[in-house]
Protein backbone atom coordinates (compact mmCIF):
# COMPACT_ATOMS: atom_id res chain seq x y z
CA MET A 1 -12.09 -14.68 -39.03
CA LYS A 2 -15.47 -14.20 -37.63
CA PRO A 3 -15.25 -16.08 -34.07
CA LEU A 4 -12.13 -14.05 -33.31
CA LEU A 5 -14.49 -11.04 -34.51
CA ARG A 6 -16.84 -12.26 -31.99
CA TRP A 7 -14.49 -13.53 -29.23
CA LEU A 8 -12.57 -9.91 -29.53
CA GLY A 9 -16.35 -8.48 -28.97
CA TRP A 10 -17.73 -10.76 -25.92
CA LEU A 11 -13.93 -9.30 -24.63
CA ALA A 12 -14.72 -5.38 -25.02
CA VAL A 13 -17.93 -6.26 -23.37
CA THR A 14 -16.73 -7.97 -20.38
CA ALA A 15 -14.35 -5.41 -19.95
CA VAL A 16 -16.73 -2.71 -20.27
CA VAL A 17 -18.85 -4.41 -18.00
CA LEU A 18 -15.58 -4.37 -16.07
CA GLN A 19 -14.67 -1.32 -15.23
CA LEU A 20 -18.75 -0.03 -14.78
CA PHE A 21 -18.51 -3.17 -11.88
CA PHE A 22 -15.53 -0.99 -10.23
CA VAL A 23 -18.08 2.21 -11.02
CA LEU A 24 -20.96 1.24 -8.80
CA ARG A 25 -19.01 -0.28 -6.32
CA ILE A 26 -16.52 3.08 -5.59
CA ALA A 27 -19.45 5.39 -5.81
CA ALA A 28 -21.89 2.89 -3.27
CA MET A 29 -18.13 4.06 -1.05
CA ALA A 30 -19.15 7.26 -0.55
CA VAL A 31 -21.13 7.00 1.76
CA LEU A 32 -20.86 2.76 3.32
CA ALA A 33 -17.96 1.89 4.23
CA PRO A 34 -15.97 -1.08 2.22
CA GLU A 35 -16.80 -4.49 4.40
CA SER A 36 -13.61 -5.96 3.35
CA THR A 37 -11.04 -5.33 0.68
CA THR A 38 -8.51 -7.95 -1.54
CA PHE A 39 -5.40 -7.88 0.16
CA GLU A 40 -7.69 -8.49 3.25
CA ARG A 41 -9.11 -11.57 2.06
CA SER A 42 -6.18 -12.72 0.38
CA GLU A 43 -3.79 -12.59 3.79
CA ALA A 44 -6.87 -13.68 5.37
CA TRP A 45 -6.28 -16.99 3.72
CA ARG A 46 -3.49 -16.65 3.76
CA VAL A 47 -3.22 -16.65 7.88
CA PHE A 48 -5.56 -18.94 8.11
CA ASN A 49 -3.78 -21.80 5.79
CA GLN A 50 -0.67 -21.46 8.16
CA LYS A 51 -1.86 -21.68 12.02
CA GLY A 52 -5.65 -22.86 11.24
CA ARG A 53 -7.01 -19.69 12.75
CA LEU A 54 -7.53 -15.77 11.64
CA PRO A 55 -6.89 -13.11 13.87
CA TRP A 56 -7.61 -10.71 12.91
CA ARG A 57 -7.92 -6.68 14.21
CA GLN A 58 -9.84 -4.03 13.02
CA GLN A 59 -13.15 -1.49 14.18
CA TRP A 60 -13.91 1.21 11.33
CA VAL A 61 -13.63 4.91 12.60
CA ASP A 62 -14.45 7.94 10.84
CA TYR A 63 -12.72 10.78 10.00
CA PRO A 64 -12.40 13.33 12.14
CA GLN A 65 -11.85 10.51 15.15
CA ILE A 66 -8.10 9.72 13.44
CA SER A 67 -6.02 11.66 15.06
CA ASP A 68 -4.70 14.49 12.55
CA ASN A 69 -0.95 13.95 13.69
CA LEU A 70 -1.75 10.40 12.02
CA LYS A 71 -3.09 12.07 8.73
CA ARG A 72 0.04 14.40 8.58
CA ALA A 73 2.91 11.21 9.35
CA VAL A 74 1.43 9.03 6.84
CA ILE A 75 1.31 12.25 3.54
CA ALA A 76 4.52 12.94 5.18
CA SER A 77 5.48 9.25 4.23
CA GLU A 78 3.53 7.93 1.48
CA ASP A 79 2.53 10.35 -0.31
CA ASP A 80 3.77 14.24 -0.19
CA GLY A 81 1.72 15.73 -2.54
CA PHE A 82 -1.71 13.39 -1.98
CA SER A 83 -3.67 17.06 -1.00
CA ASN A 84 -3.29 18.74 -4.69
CA HIS A 85 -1.98 16.17 -7.73
CA ASP A 86 -4.92 13.86 -9.27
CA GLY A 87 -4.36 10.21 -7.75
CA VAL A 88 -1.03 9.96 -9.77
CA ASP A 89 2.59 11.80 -8.90
CA TRP A 90 4.19 11.93 -12.22
CA ASP A 91 6.87 12.77 -10.99
CA ALA A 92 8.26 10.24 -8.06
CA LEU A 93 6.66 7.91 -10.82
CA GLU A 94 9.41 8.90 -12.73
CA LYS A 95 12.67 8.30 -10.25
CA ALA A 96 11.36 5.45 -9.39
CA TRP A 97 11.02 4.20 -11.78
CA GLN A 98 14.75 5.87 -13.54
CA LYS A 99 15.40 4.63 -9.15
CA ASN A 100 14.92 0.86 -10.86
CA ALA A 101 16.50 0.87 -14.02
CA LYS A 102 20.14 1.95 -12.59
CA ALA A 103 19.51 -1.06 -9.77
CA GLU A 104 18.21 -3.67 -12.34
CA ILE A 105 21.16 -1.96 -14.26
CA GLN A 106 24.36 -2.02 -11.29
CA ALA A 107 22.81 -5.78 -10.62
CA ALA A 108 23.40 -6.99 -13.37
CA LYS A 109 27.16 -6.68 -12.70
CA THR A 110 27.48 -7.63 -9.66
CA GLN A 111 29.83 -10.37 -9.07
CA ILE A 112 28.54 -14.09 -8.17
CA VAL A 113 29.21 -13.86 -4.22
CA LYS A 114 29.99 -17.63 -2.39
CA LYS A 115 28.52 -18.61 0.17
CA PRO A 116 29.98 -18.25 3.28
CA GLY A 117 32.38 -21.06 3.96
CA ALA A 118 31.37 -23.39 0.96
CA ALA A 119 33.92 -25.20 -1.30
CA ALA A 120 34.53 -23.19 -4.86
CA SER A 121 32.79 -26.28 -6.83
CA SER A 122 29.81 -26.45 -5.04
CA SER A 123 29.04 -22.58 -4.87
CA LYS A 124 25.79 -21.37 -6.37
CA PRO A 125 24.95 -18.33 -7.95
CA VAL A 126 23.82 -16.33 -5.31
CA VAL A 127 21.58 -13.61 -7.11
CA ARG A 128 21.04 -9.65 -5.58
CA LEU A 129 17.77 -8.75 -6.36
CA PRO A 130 17.85 -4.74 -6.46
CA LYS A 131 16.20 -3.06 -4.25
CA VAL A 132 12.34 -1.95 -5.72
CA VAL A 133 11.91 1.86 -5.34
CA GLY A 134 8.01 2.09 -5.60
CA GLY A 135 6.31 5.66 -6.54
CA SER A 136 2.66 4.65 -5.86
CA THR A 137 0.60 7.24 -3.70
CA ILE A 138 -2.20 6.67 -0.93
CA THR A 139 -5.30 6.59 -4.35
CA GLN A 140 -3.57 4.05 -5.86
CA GLN A 141 -2.07 1.95 -2.81
CA LEU A 142 -5.68 2.27 -1.73
CA ALA A 143 -7.11 1.23 -5.78
CA LYS A 144 -4.65 -1.92 -5.97
CA ASN A 145 -5.85 -3.49 -2.09
CA LEU A 146 -9.41 -2.81 -2.81
CA PHE A 147 -9.51 -4.77 -5.68
CA LEU A 148 -6.41 -6.08 -7.25
CA SER A 149 -4.22 -9.11 -6.59
CA GLY A 150 -0.55 -8.39 -5.46
CA GLU A 151 0.66 -9.28 -9.07
CA ARG A 152 3.31 -7.54 -11.36
CA THR A 153 2.06 -6.54 -15.07
CA LEU A 154 1.16 -4.32 -17.37
CA LEU A 155 -2.01 -5.50 -17.42
CA ARG A 156 -2.99 -4.98 -14.02
CA LYS A 157 -0.85 -1.40 -13.67
CA GLY A 158 -2.86 0.08 -16.52
CA GLN A 159 -6.22 -1.51 -14.55
CA GLU A 160 -4.69 0.41 -11.46
CA PHE A 161 -4.20 3.50 -12.98
CA VAL A 162 -8.09 3.79 -14.12
CA LEU A 163 -8.92 2.70 -10.42
CA THR A 164 -6.71 4.88 -9.43
CA LEU A 165 -8.16 8.12 -12.04
CA LEU A 166 -12.03 6.75 -10.50
CA LEU A 167 -11.21 6.95 -7.13
CA GLU A 168 -10.10 10.18 -7.15
CA ALA A 169 -12.93 11.71 -9.30
CA LEU A 170 -15.97 9.90 -7.32
CA LEU A 171 -15.10 10.21 -2.96
CA GLY A 172 -12.77 12.85 -3.14
CA LYS A 173 -9.36 13.02 -0.94
CA GLN A 174 -10.96 12.81 2.17
CA ARG A 175 -13.60 9.76 1.42
CA ILE A 176 -10.11 8.62 0.52
CA LEU A 177 -7.87 9.06 3.01
CA GLU A 178 -11.14 7.85 5.92
CA ILE A 179 -10.70 4.05 3.76
CA TYR A 180 -7.45 3.86 3.49
CA LEU A 181 -6.37 4.54 6.78
CA ASN A 182 -8.96 2.25 7.95
CA SER A 183 -7.98 -0.71 5.61
CA VAL A 184 -4.52 -0.31 5.43
CA GLU A 185 -2.70 -3.39 7.25
CA TRP A 186 -0.36 -2.49 10.20
CA GLY A 187 1.45 -6.22 11.09
CA GLU A 188 -0.56 -9.70 10.26
CA GLY A 189 -3.97 -9.73 11.61
CA VAL A 190 -3.81 -5.68 12.32
CA PHE A 191 -6.17 -3.57 9.61
CA GLY A 192 -6.97 -0.02 10.11
CA ALA A 193 -5.42 2.90 12.43
CA GLU A 194 -7.92 2.03 15.50
CA ALA A 195 -6.85 -0.97 15.08
CA ALA A 196 -2.74 -0.12 15.34
CA ALA A 197 -3.32 2.55 18.24
CA GLN A 198 -4.36 -0.33 20.19
CA HIS A 199 -2.12 -3.44 19.59
CA TYR A 200 0.73 -1.42 19.08
CA PHE A 201 0.09 2.02 21.56
CA ARG A 202 -2.85 0.49 24.03
CA LYS A 203 -4.49 3.61 23.17
CA PRO A 204 -7.71 4.61 20.40
CA ALA A 205 -5.78 6.40 16.89
CA SER A 206 -7.11 9.98 17.19
CA ARG A 207 -5.25 10.14 21.31
CA LEU A 208 -1.87 9.24 18.86
CA ASN A 209 1.06 12.20 19.52
CA ALA A 210 2.73 13.21 17.45
CA TYR A 211 5.92 10.36 17.09
CA GLU A 212 3.62 7.83 17.88
CA ALA A 213 1.90 8.17 14.22
CA ALA A 214 4.93 8.35 12.55
CA ARG A 215 6.03 5.66 13.92
CA LEU A 216 2.79 4.11 12.47
CA ALA A 217 3.60 5.62 9.55
CA VAL A 218 7.36 4.47 8.69
CA MET A 219 5.80 1.15 9.33
CA LEU A 220 3.18 1.26 6.11
CA PRO A 221 5.95 -0.38 3.17
CA ARG A 222 6.81 -2.94 5.47
CA PRO A 223 4.06 -3.92 8.97
CA LYS A 224 5.14 -7.21 9.54
CA TYR A 225 8.52 -6.70 9.72
CA PHE A 226 8.33 -4.09 11.23
CA GLU A 227 6.15 -5.56 13.46
CA ARG A 228 8.39 -7.86 14.54
CA THR A 229 11.06 -5.41 15.04
CA PRO A 230 9.73 -3.47 17.11
CA ASN A 231 13.58 -2.23 18.25
CA SER A 232 13.97 -1.48 14.74
CA SER A 233 16.90 1.49 15.22
CA TYR A 234 15.90 3.02 10.85
CA LEU A 235 11.52 2.63 12.76
CA ALA A 236 12.63 4.78 15.95
CA GLU A 237 15.08 7.12 13.51
CA ARG A 238 13.13 7.72 10.20
CA ALA A 239 9.80 8.24 12.31
CA SER A 240 11.87 10.64 14.60
CA VAL A 241 12.33 12.91 11.06
CA ILE A 242 8.79 12.03 10.28
CA ALA A 243 7.29 13.38 13.59
CA ASN A 244 9.56 16.68 12.19
CA ARG A 245 7.56 17.38 8.75
CA LEU A 246 4.41 16.09 10.07
CA GLY A 247 3.89 20.84 9.85
CA GLY A 248 4.24 20.87 6.29
CA ALA A 249 2.07 18.17 5.77
CA GLU A 250 -1.00 19.67 3.77
CA LEU A 251 -4.83 17.58 5.72
CA PRO A 252 -7.55 17.47 3.13
């Protein structure tokens, strides 16, 4: 019994120390820009292993040097309640949970689809996976990118919630948005608003117009895909919708 209690005690101490480490890291971000995020380092390692080189575009710019069009576009596209919630949009999370549950039920009912041209005896089951709908806020996305891996477990999600609350408590909305816009991925090796503006439009982030900002915002869930398919009709149509919604996006 004593070894078990000792092990549980060390586990609790380790968990507390880890949270204190996160508190110190986040508190430092109030005045210091993070040099890189866990996600960026993971992507750098992946690209280097695949290509033997490390294409990397990133340049920090302060909050005033980022176009308000881009700030509003990202909020309108990713998290329209950003300026008012406490880091977690519980309504959006509940809706996402319900949509994912329905999608899983529908997928379970879907019949096996045969590959075109394949004989019945040799055809293999093709599983149509349901589209997973996210309910993450900008703050949650930043928490995940800064500190966490891409695995999807209850433990990781719980840590994400803790980090989200710490970010909101220690940094505030404007600083959260500033760090997010300077570190989020906008293509392979393209991180942050300045790098994205230069890469796609050959201009600084401060000069992005409404439509350009909206295109960048729409790219965020699948940046590498849209980088490869810049003529996507969905990208153009959705960007027009977001551009028309900029006036209703509240800045922190």
